[in-house]
Amino acid sequence: MTRILNKLFVNGNSVLQIFSTEKPFNLPALADRLERVFPRMVRVNEGAGIIVVMDRIRVSEKGIVEGTGPAAERVQKVYDEFIKAQTQP
């Protein structure tokens, strides 16, 4: 299993430059959007990179990981709109 971490520790006396190749996924911003649709039913587990909606729908930066039904479809719609807004210049 490959796991990507968003933190880098550099040991040395002189670090001249560090570049990021991509922008990290903004999990709290997606959670805020979901909170507007599902008030007081959204929890963020940043350590696991998961948002839990209604204690049964799990969303990661890749989309819905677990959950089905109309609520999951609504979560997917909010996720799709969020991703579209993030990729537009």
N, C-alpha and C. Protein backbone atom coordinates (compact mmCIF):
# COMPACT_ATOMS: atom_id res chain seq x y z
N MET A 1 0.84 -1.18 0.00
CA MET A 1 0.00 0.00 0.00
C MET A 1 0.88 1.25 0.00
N THR A 2 0.64 2.15 -0.92
CA THR A 2 1.37 3.39 -1.01
C THR A 2 0.61 4.48 -0.29
N ARG A 3 1.32 5.23 0.51
CA ARG A 3 0.68 6.31 1.26
C ARG A 3 1.45 7.59 1.01
N ILE A 4 0.75 8.64 0.65
CA ILE A 4 1.37 9.93 0.38
C ILE A 4 1.13 10.84 1.58
N LEU A 5 2.20 11.43 2.08
CA LEU A 5 2.11 12.35 3.21
C LEU A 5 2.32 13.77 2.72
N ASN A 6 1.63 14.70 3.29
CA ASN A 6 1.74 16.10 2.87
C ASN A 6 2.75 16.89 3.68
N LYS A 7 3.56 16.22 4.47
CA LYS A 7 4.56 16.91 5.28
C LYS A 7 5.94 16.43 4.90
N LEU A 8 6.90 17.33 4.95
CA LEU A 8 8.26 17.01 4.60
C LEU A 8 9.18 17.60 5.66
N PHE A 9 10.06 16.78 6.20
CA PHE A 9 11.04 17.24 7.17
C PHE A 9 12.40 17.20 6.51
N VAL A 10 13.09 18.33 6.53
CA VAL A 10 14.39 18.43 5.88
C VAL A 10 15.42 18.71 6.95
N ASN A 11 16.44 17.86 6.99
CA ASN A 11 17.52 18.02 7.96
C ASN A 11 18.74 18.56 7.23
N GLY A 12 19.23 19.69 7.64
CA GLY A 12 20.41 20.27 6.99
C GLY A 12 20.63 21.69 7.46
N ASN A 13 21.79 22.23 7.12
CA ASN A 13 22.14 23.58 7.55
C ASN A 13 21.60 24.65 6.61
N SER A 14 21.49 24.32 5.33
CA SER A 14 20.99 25.35 4.40
C SER A 14 20.04 24.72 3.39
N VAL A 15 18.79 25.04 3.53
CA VAL A 15 17.78 24.61 2.57
C VAL A 15 17.45 25.85 1.75
N LEU A 16 17.74 25.78 0.45
CA LEU A 16 17.57 26.95 -0.39
C LEU A 16 16.14 27.12 -0.89
N GLN A 17 15.55 26.05 -1.40
CA GLN A 17 14.19 26.15 -1.92
C GLN A 17 13.47 24.82 -1.77
N ILE A 18 12.18 24.91 -1.54
CA ILE A 18 11.31 23.74 -1.54
C ILE A 18 10.11 24.10 -2.39
N PHE A 19 9.78 23.25 -3.35
CA PHE A 19 8.65 23.47 -4.23
C PHE A 19 7.60 22.40 -4.02
N SER A 20 6.37 22.79 -4.16
CA SER A 20 5.26 21.84 -4.12
C SER A 20 4.84 21.55 -5.56
N THR A 21 4.64 20.28 -5.87
CA THR A 21 4.23 19.93 -7.23
C THR A 21 2.73 20.07 -7.44
N GLU A 22 1.97 19.99 -6.38
CA GLU A 22 0.52 20.15 -6.49
C GLU A 22 -0.02 20.74 -5.19
N LYS A 23 -1.19 21.34 -5.32
CA LYS A 23 -1.84 21.93 -4.16
C LYS A 23 -2.53 20.83 -3.36
N PRO A 24 -2.33 20.78 -2.04
CA PRO A 24 -3.00 19.74 -1.26
C PRO A 24 -4.52 19.94 -1.26
N PHE A 25 -5.22 18.83 -1.11
CA PHE A 25 -6.68 18.87 -1.10
C PHE A 25 -7.17 19.59 0.14
N ASN A 26 -8.13 20.50 -0.02
CA ASN A 26 -8.65 21.30 1.09
C ASN A 26 -9.87 20.62 1.70
N LEU A 27 -9.59 19.65 2.58
CA LEU A 27 -10.65 18.88 3.23
C LEU A 27 -11.58 19.76 4.08
N PRO A 28 -11.06 20.71 4.87
CA PRO A 28 -11.96 21.57 5.66
C PRO A 28 -12.90 22.41 4.80
N ALA A 29 -12.45 22.85 3.64
CA ALA A 29 -13.32 23.65 2.76
C ALA A 29 -14.47 22.79 2.22
N LEU A 30 -14.17 21.55 1.85
CA LEU A 30 -15.24 20.64 1.41
C LEU A 30 -16.20 20.37 2.55
N ALA A 31 -15.68 20.19 3.75
CA ALA A 31 -16.54 19.96 4.92
C ALA A 31 -17.46 21.16 5.16
N ASP A 32 -16.95 22.37 4.97
CA ASP A 32 -17.79 23.56 5.12
C ASP A 32 -18.93 23.56 4.11
N ARG A 33 -18.63 23.18 2.89
CA ARG A 33 -19.69 23.12 1.86
C ARG A 33 -20.74 22.07 2.24
N LEU A 34 -20.27 20.92 2.68
CA LEU A 34 -21.21 19.86 3.08
C LEU A 34 -22.03 20.28 4.30
N GLU A 35 -21.42 21.05 5.18
CA GLU A 35 -22.12 21.52 6.39
C GLU A 35 -23.30 22.42 6.02
N ARG A 36 -23.19 23.16 4.92
CA ARG A 36 -24.30 24.02 4.48
C ARG A 36 -25.51 23.19 4.06
N VAL A 37 -25.26 22.01 3.50
CA VAL A 37 -26.34 21.14 3.03
C VAL A 37 -26.82 20.21 4.14
N PHE A 38 -25.89 19.76 4.99
CA PHE A 38 -26.20 18.84 6.09
C PHE A 38 -25.76 19.48 7.42
N PRO A 39 -26.53 20.46 7.92
CA PRO A 39 -26.12 21.16 9.15
C PRO A 39 -25.96 20.21 10.34
N ARG A 40 -24.88 20.38 11.06
CA ARG A 40 -24.56 19.63 12.29
C ARG A 40 -24.48 18.12 12.06
N MET A 41 -24.25 17.69 10.83
CA MET A 41 -24.16 16.26 10.53
C MET A 41 -22.83 15.92 9.85
N VAL A 42 -21.85 16.82 9.91
CA VAL A 42 -20.59 16.62 9.21
C VAL A 42 -19.44 16.61 10.22
N ARG A 43 -18.62 15.57 10.14
CA ARG A 43 -17.41 15.47 10.98
C ARG A 43 -16.20 15.28 10.07
N VAL A 44 -15.09 15.93 10.44
CA VAL A 44 -13.86 15.81 9.66
C VAL A 44 -12.83 15.02 10.46
N ASN A 45 -12.23 14.03 9.84
CA ASN A 45 -11.12 13.29 10.42
C ASN A 45 -9.92 13.55 9.52
N GLU A 46 -9.19 14.65 9.79
CA GLU A 46 -8.09 15.04 8.92
C GLU A 46 -6.96 14.01 8.93
N GLY A 47 -6.75 13.35 10.04
CA GLY A 47 -5.71 12.33 10.12
C GLY A 47 -5.94 11.20 9.13
N ALA A 48 -7.19 10.83 8.95
CA ALA A 48 -7.54 9.76 8.01
C ALA A 48 -7.88 10.32 6.63
N GLY A 49 -8.01 11.64 6.53
CA GLY A 49 -8.37 12.24 5.24
C GLY A 49 -9.79 11.94 4.83
N ILE A 50 -10.69 11.87 5.82
CA ILE A 50 -12.09 11.47 5.59
C ILE A 50 -13.04 12.50 6.20
N ILE A 51 -14.14 12.73 5.51
CA ILE A 51 -15.27 13.48 6.05
C ILE A 51 -16.41 12.49 6.22
N VAL A 52 -17.05 12.51 7.39
CA VAL A 52 -18.18 11.62 7.65
C VAL A 52 -19.45 12.47 7.71
N VAL A 53 -20.42 12.11 6.88
CA VAL A 53 -21.69 12.83 6.81
C VAL A 53 -22.79 11.90 7.31
N MET A 54 -23.56 12.37 8.27
CA MET A 54 -24.70 11.63 8.83
C MET A 54 -24.26 10.28 9.42
N ASP A 55 -23.06 10.18 9.88
CA ASP A 55 -22.51 8.96 10.49
C ASP A 55 -22.56 7.74 9.59
N ARG A 56 -22.76 7.92 8.27
CA ARG A 56 -22.81 6.75 7.41
C ARG A 56 -22.23 6.96 6.02
N ILE A 57 -21.98 8.20 5.63
CA ILE A 57 -21.40 8.48 4.32
C ILE A 57 -19.99 9.01 4.53
N ARG A 58 -19.01 8.34 3.90
CA ARG A 58 -17.62 8.74 4.05
C ARG A 58 -17.11 9.28 2.71
N VAL A 59 -16.47 10.46 2.79
CA VAL A 59 -15.96 11.13 1.61
C VAL A 59 -14.48 11.41 1.80
N SER A 60 -13.69 11.13 0.77
CA SER A 60 -12.27 11.47 0.79
C SER A 60 -12.01 12.43 -0.36
N GLU A 61 -10.74 12.73 -0.60
CA GLU A 61 -10.41 13.63 -1.70
C GLU A 61 -10.71 13.00 -3.06
N LYS A 62 -10.95 11.71 -3.09
CA LYS A 62 -11.27 11.00 -4.34
C LYS A 62 -12.77 10.84 -4.57
N GLY A 63 -13.60 11.23 -3.59
CA GLY A 63 -15.05 11.10 -3.72
C GLY A 63 -15.62 10.24 -2.61
N ILE A 64 -16.82 9.71 -2.83
CA ILE A 64 -17.48 8.91 -1.81
C ILE A 64 -16.77 7.57 -1.68
N VAL A 65 -16.40 7.24 -0.45
CA VAL A 65 -15.73 5.98 -0.15
C VAL A 65 -16.74 4.95 0.32
N GLU A 66 -17.76 5.42 1.04
CA GLU A 66 -18.76 4.51 1.62
C GLU A 66 -20.09 5.24 1.72
N GLY A 67 -21.17 4.56 1.38
CA GLY A 67 -22.51 5.13 1.51
C GLY A 67 -23.25 5.08 0.19
N THR A 68 -24.57 4.87 0.30
CA THR A 68 -25.43 4.83 -0.87
C THR A 68 -26.74 5.53 -0.55
N GLY A 69 -27.54 5.72 -1.57
CA GLY A 69 -28.87 6.30 -1.38
C GLY A 69 -28.93 7.77 -1.76
N PRO A 70 -30.08 8.38 -1.55
CA PRO A 70 -30.27 9.78 -1.95
C PRO A 70 -29.32 10.75 -1.24
N ALA A 71 -29.06 10.52 0.03
CA ALA A 71 -28.13 11.41 0.76
C ALA A 71 -26.74 11.30 0.18
N ALA A 72 -26.30 10.10 -0.14
CA ALA A 72 -24.97 9.91 -0.73
C ALA A 72 -24.90 10.56 -2.11
N GLU A 73 -25.99 10.50 -2.86
CA GLU A 73 -26.03 11.16 -4.16
C GLU A 73 -25.90 12.67 -4.00
N ARG A 74 -26.53 13.22 -2.98
CA ARG A 74 -26.43 14.67 -2.72
C ARG A 74 -25.00 15.03 -2.29
N VAL A 75 -24.39 14.20 -1.47
CA VAL A 75 -23.00 14.43 -1.07
C VAL A 75 -22.10 14.40 -2.31
N GLN A 76 -22.33 13.45 -3.20
CA GLN A 76 -21.53 13.35 -4.43
C GLN A 76 -21.70 14.60 -5.29
N LYS A 77 -22.92 15.14 -5.34
CA LYS A 77 -23.17 16.35 -6.12
C LYS A 77 -22.40 17.53 -5.53
N VAL A 78 -22.42 17.67 -4.21
CA VAL A 78 -21.67 18.75 -3.55
C VAL A 78 -20.18 18.56 -3.81
N TYR A 79 -19.70 17.33 -3.73
CA TYR A 79 -18.29 17.03 -3.99
C TYR A 79 -17.91 17.41 -5.43
N ASP A 80 -18.73 17.02 -6.39
CA ASP A 80 -18.47 17.32 -7.80
C ASP A 80 -18.41 18.83 -8.04
N GLU A 81 -19.34 19.57 -7.45
CA GLU A 81 -19.35 21.03 -7.59
C GLU A 81 -18.10 21.64 -6.96
N PHE A 82 -17.68 21.10 -5.81
CA PHE A 82 -16.48 21.59 -5.13
C PHE A 82 -15.24 21.36 -6.01
N ILE A 83 -15.11 20.17 -6.57
CA ILE A 83 -13.96 19.85 -7.42
C ILE A 83 -13.96 20.73 -8.66
N LYS A 84 -15.12 20.93 -9.25
CA LYS A 84 -15.22 21.79 -10.44
C LYS A 84 -14.79 23.21 -10.12
N ALA A 85 -15.21 23.73 -8.97
CA ALA A 85 -14.83 25.08 -8.58
C ALA A 85 -13.32 25.18 -8.29
N GLN A 86 -12.73 24.13 -7.79
CA GLN A 86 -11.30 24.12 -7.48
C GLN A 86 -10.43 24.07 -8.73
N THR A 87 -10.92 23.44 -9.78
CA THR A 87 -10.12 23.27 -10.99
C THR A 87 -10.28 24.41 -11.97
N GLN A 88 -11.29 25.25 -11.79
CA GLN A 88 -11.46 26.39 -12.69
C GLN A 88 -10.51 27.50 -12.30
N PRO A 89 -9.91 28.18 -13.30
CA PRO A 89 -8.97 29.28 -12.99
C PRO A 89 -9.64 30.51 -12.46
